[in-house]
N, C-alpha and C. Protein backbone atom coordinates (compact mmCIF):
# COMPACT_ATOMS: atom_id res chain seq x y z
N MET A 1 33.45 108.61 99.68
CA MET A 1 33.31 108.42 98.25
C MET A 1 32.32 108.47 98.21
N ALA A 2 31.05 108.63 99.53
CA ALA A 2 29.58 108.27 99.08
C ALA A 2 29.07 110.60 98.78
N ASP A 3 30.13 111.14 98.83
CA ASP A 3 29.79 112.69 98.77
C ASP A 3 29.98 112.68 96.90
N ILE A 4 30.96 111.80 96.47
CA ILE A 4 31.23 112.11 94.94
C ILE A 4 29.37 111.63 94.36
N ASP A 5 29.69 110.28 95.18
CA ASP A 5 28.48 109.29 94.05
C ASP A 5 27.37 110.40 94.15
N ASN A 6 27.48 110.82 95.53
CA ASN A 6 25.47 111.91 95.49
C ASN A 6 25.76 112.73 94.10
N ASP A 7 27.40 113.84 94.16
CA ASP A 7 27.23 114.55 93.32
C ASP A 7 27.03 114.26 91.71
N ASN A 8 27.85 113.45 91.60
CA ASN A 8 27.43 112.29 90.68
C ASN A 8 25.77 112.23 90.37
N ASP A 9 25.10 111.87 91.26
CA ASP A 9 24.07 111.97 90.62
C ASP A 9 23.34 112.99 90.77
N ASN A 10 23.46 113.95 91.26
CA ASN A 10 23.30 115.11 91.36
C ASN A 10 23.06 115.73 90.10
N ASP A 11 24.11 115.94 89.71
CA ASP A 11 24.56 116.05 87.80
C ASP A 11 24.06 115.58 87.02
N ASN A 12 23.61 114.13 87.24
CA ASN A 12 22.62 113.38 86.27
C ASN A 12 21.05 113.48 86.29
N ASP A 13 20.61 114.02 87.34
CA ASP A 13 19.38 114.15 87.73
C ASP A 13 19.03 115.71 86.97
N ASN A 14 19.97 116.82 87.14
CA ASN A 14 19.99 117.67 86.48
C ASN A 14 20.35 118.14 84.98
N ASP A 15 20.89 117.27 84.56
CA ASP A 15 20.65 116.92 82.86
C ASP A 15 19.79 116.21 82.78
N THR A 16 19.04 115.30 83.59
CA THR A 16 18.20 114.70 82.70
C THR A 16 17.07 116.47 83.03
N LEU A 17 16.77 116.72 83.98
CA LEU A 17 15.66 117.55 84.11
C LEU A 17 16.12 118.49 83.08
N MET A 18 17.10 119.15 82.80
CA MET A 18 17.13 119.90 81.69
C MET A 18 17.29 120.00 79.94
N VAL A 19 17.34 118.92 79.78
CA VAL A 19 16.98 117.47 78.62
C VAL A 19 15.42 117.49 78.29
N SER A 20 15.06 117.17 79.52
CA SER A 20 13.40 117.20 79.82
C SER A 20 12.42 117.98 79.31
N LEU A 21 13.21 119.00 79.96
CA LEU A 21 12.41 120.70 80.10
C LEU A 21 13.17 121.03 78.49
N GLN A 22 13.81 120.87 78.02
CA GLN A 22 13.90 121.26 76.51
C GLN A 22 13.42 120.40 75.47
N ALA A 23 12.86 119.20 75.58
CA ALA A 23 12.35 118.01 75.61
C ALA A 23 10.58 119.08 74.84
N VAL A 24 10.53 118.81 75.88
CA VAL A 24 8.99 119.20 76.67
C VAL A 24 8.61 120.61 76.09
N PHE A 25 9.25 121.21 75.72
CA PHE A 25 9.48 122.62 75.21
C PHE A 25 9.46 122.65 73.95
N GLU A 26 9.69 121.83 73.76
CA GLU A 26 9.89 121.45 71.44
C GLU A 26 9.30 120.96 71.44
N SER A 27 8.37 120.02 72.08
CA SER A 27 7.42 119.25 71.69
C SER A 27 6.04 120.42 71.74
N ILE A 28 6.05 121.04 72.77
CA ILE A 28 5.06 122.35 72.89
C ILE A 28 5.06 123.40 71.49
N ASN A 29 6.71 123.52 71.57
CA ASN A 29 6.19 124.11 69.63
C ASN A 29 5.95 123.66 68.72
N ARG A 30 6.52 122.36 68.74
CA ARG A 30 6.06 121.46 67.30
C ARG A 30 4.46 121.24 67.02
N PHE A 31 3.78 121.05 68.43
CA PHE A 31 2.40 121.02 68.42
C PHE A 31 1.18 121.74 68.14
N GLU A 32 2.30 123.09 68.62
CA GLU A 32 1.00 124.37 67.91
C GLU A 32 1.69 125.32 66.87
N ALA A 33 2.14 124.57 66.34
CA ALA A 33 3.30 125.00 64.67
C ALA A 33 1.84 123.55 64.27
N LEU A 34 1.46 122.48 64.63
CA LEU A 34 0.84 122.12 63.86
C LEU A 34 -0.69 122.28 64.31
N LEU A 35 -1.17 123.03 65.20
CA LEU A 35 -2.53 123.54 65.50
C LEU A 35 -2.63 124.33 64.60
N GLU A 36 -1.92 125.22 64.23
CA GLU A 36 -1.62 126.25 63.17
C GLU A 36 -2.07 126.19 61.75
N SER A 37 -1.52 124.68 61.64
CA SER A 37 -1.60 124.53 59.58
C SER A 37 -2.79 123.84 59.50
N GLU A 38 -2.86 124.01 58.40
CA GLU A 38 -4.10 124.21 57.70
C GLU A 38 -4.45 122.38 57.12
N THR A 39 -3.55 121.49 57.16
CA THR A 39 -3.67 120.27 56.77
C THR A 39 -4.19 119.20 58.20
N LEU A 40 -4.52 119.81 59.29
CA LEU A 40 -4.01 118.82 60.40
C LEU A 40 -5.86 118.03 60.45
N SER A 41 -6.19 116.62 60.35
CA SER A 41 -7.77 116.87 60.04
C SER A 41 -8.27 116.37 61.53
N ASP A 42 -7.78 116.55 62.92
CA ASP A 42 -7.96 115.59 64.24
C ASP A 42 -7.25 116.67 65.17
N PRO A 43 -8.02 118.38 65.14
CA PRO A 43 -7.25 118.87 66.34
C PRO A 43 -7.69 118.75 67.64
N GLU A 44 -8.75 117.95 67.62
CA GLU A 44 -8.81 117.84 69.31
C GLU A 44 -8.08 116.67 69.67
N ASN A 45 -7.21 116.26 69.50
CA ASN A 45 -6.38 115.47 69.51
C ASN A 45 -4.91 115.65 69.51
N ILE A 46 -4.61 116.56 69.59
CA ILE A 46 -3.19 117.56 69.59
C ILE A 46 -3.58 118.73 70.52
N THR A 47 -5.14 119.35 70.79
CA THR A 47 -5.47 120.40 71.65
C THR A 47 -4.54 119.56 73.18
N GLU A 48 -5.83 118.44 72.88
CA GLU A 48 -5.32 117.02 74.32
C GLU A 48 -4.35 117.31 74.53
N LEU A 49 -3.83 116.39 73.70
CA LEU A 49 -2.19 116.22 74.50
C LEU A 49 -1.46 117.91 74.19
N LEU A 50 -1.27 118.75 74.07
CA LEU A 50 -0.80 120.03 73.84
C LEU A 50 -1.13 120.36 75.51
N MET A 51 -2.16 119.95 75.37
CA MET A 51 -2.57 120.37 77.02
C MET A 51 -1.57 119.70 77.83
N SER A 52 -1.89 118.54 77.86
CA SER A 52 -0.51 118.09 79.19
C SER A 52 0.91 118.03 78.77
N TYR A 53 1.49 118.30 76.87
CA TYR A 53 2.86 118.95 77.58
C TYR A 53 2.68 119.90 78.01
N ASP A 54 1.97 121.20 78.24
CA ASP A 54 1.49 122.73 79.07
C ASP A 54 1.76 122.40 80.31
N GLU A 55 1.03 121.04 81.15
CA GLU A 55 1.11 121.41 82.86
C GLU A 55 2.34 120.62 82.86
N ALA A 56 3.04 119.22 82.33
CA ALA A 56 4.30 118.94 82.22
C ALA A 56 5.15 119.78 82.35
N PHE A 57 5.66 121.10 81.31
CA PHE A 57 5.88 122.40 81.19
C PHE A 57 6.07 123.24 82.16
N LYS A 58 4.95 123.30 83.16
CA LYS A 58 4.63 124.12 84.31
C LYS A 58 5.56 123.77 85.08
N VAL A 59 5.54 122.23 85.49
CA VAL A 59 6.43 121.40 86.23
C VAL A 59 7.27 121.67 86.81
N LEU A 60 7.94 120.77 85.31
CA LEU A 60 9.81 121.27 84.83
C LEU A 60 10.15 122.48 85.10
N SER A 61 9.89 123.55 84.49
CA SER A 61 10.28 124.85 84.76
C SER A 61 9.78 125.05 85.98
N SER A 62 9.16 124.99 86.85
CA SER A 62 8.91 125.20 88.34
C SER A 62 9.90 124.33 89.04
N VAL A 63 10.67 123.03 88.83
CA VAL A 63 11.49 122.37 89.65
C VAL A 63 13.27 123.08 89.26
N TYR A 64 13.37 123.62 88.03
CA TYR A 64 14.09 123.92 87.13
C TYR A 64 14.71 125.71 87.72
N LYS A 65 13.46 126.18 87.89
CA LYS A 65 14.23 127.08 88.54
C LYS A 65 14.37 127.30 90.41
N GLU A 66 13.61 126.36 90.70
CA GLU A 66 13.87 125.38 91.91
C GLU A 66 15.63 125.00 92.20
N GLN A 67 15.97 124.56 91.24
CA GLN A 67 16.95 124.01 91.25
C GLN A 67 18.39 124.93 90.92
N LEU A 68 18.03 126.33 89.72
CA LEU A 68 19.02 127.09 89.86
C LEU A 68 18.55 128.01 91.53
N ALA A 69 17.66 128.44 91.88
CA ALA A 69 17.74 128.98 92.66
C ALA A 69 18.66 128.33 94.23
N LYS A 70 19.41 127.06 94.23
CA LYS A 70 19.19 126.33 95.19
C LYS A 70 21.43 126.42 94.83
N GLY A 71 21.35 127.10 93.11
CA GLY A 71 22.85 126.99 93.04
C GLY A 71 23.69 126.06 92.19
N ALA A 72 22.07 125.02 91.71
CA ALA A 72 23.11 124.17 90.71
C ALA A 72 23.49 124.38 89.47
N ASP A 73 24.32 123.39 89.05
CA ASP A 73 24.99 124.75 88.02
C ASP A 73 24.21 123.81 86.71
N LEU A 74 23.43 124.99 86.23
CA LEU A 74 22.36 124.72 85.23
C LEU A 74 22.59 126.37 84.37
N PRO A 75 22.19 125.79 83.08
CA PRO A 75 22.48 127.10 81.95
C PRO A 75 21.24 127.72 82.77
N PRO A 76 21.26 129.02 82.52
CA PRO A 76 20.26 129.41 82.57
C PRO A 76 18.76 129.63 81.93
N TYR A 77 17.82 129.44 82.75
CA TYR A 77 16.09 129.71 82.01
C TYR A 77 16.25 129.83 80.80
N GLU A 78 16.34 131.07 80.81
CA GLU A 78 16.14 131.85 79.33
C GLU A 78 17.27 130.51 78.13
N ALA A 79 17.79 130.59 78.32
CA ALA A 79 19.15 129.72 77.36
C ALA A 79 17.96 128.86 77.24
N ILE A 80 17.60 127.97 78.19
CA ILE A 80 16.76 126.72 77.48
C ILE A 80 15.51 126.95 77.36
N VAL A 81 14.98 127.57 77.37
CA VAL A 81 13.47 127.73 76.72
C VAL A 81 13.64 128.69 76.32
N LYS A 82 13.38 129.15 74.51
CA LYS A 82 13.77 130.22 73.62
C LYS A 82 12.37 131.05 73.07
N ARG A 83 11.47 131.72 73.66
CA ARG A 83 10.40 131.96 73.44
C ARG A 83 10.83 132.66 71.95
């Protein structure tokens, strides 16, 4: 029974990792588009926020790639972050 619970925990962790990576990636795209728009009144705050998201993206990407290398049942990295 412990093995089944452990597998479920790993699946949940991997699902959380995948969703987090996708969410951060989409947020970066949204904030970059906002910075390029001419209607932005305070680009400094968005730039600072974008830097935080970029750092989170680097960390999540690294962990995601590590999990893939370990054989985790995850979609390919390129399918998650399409630039």
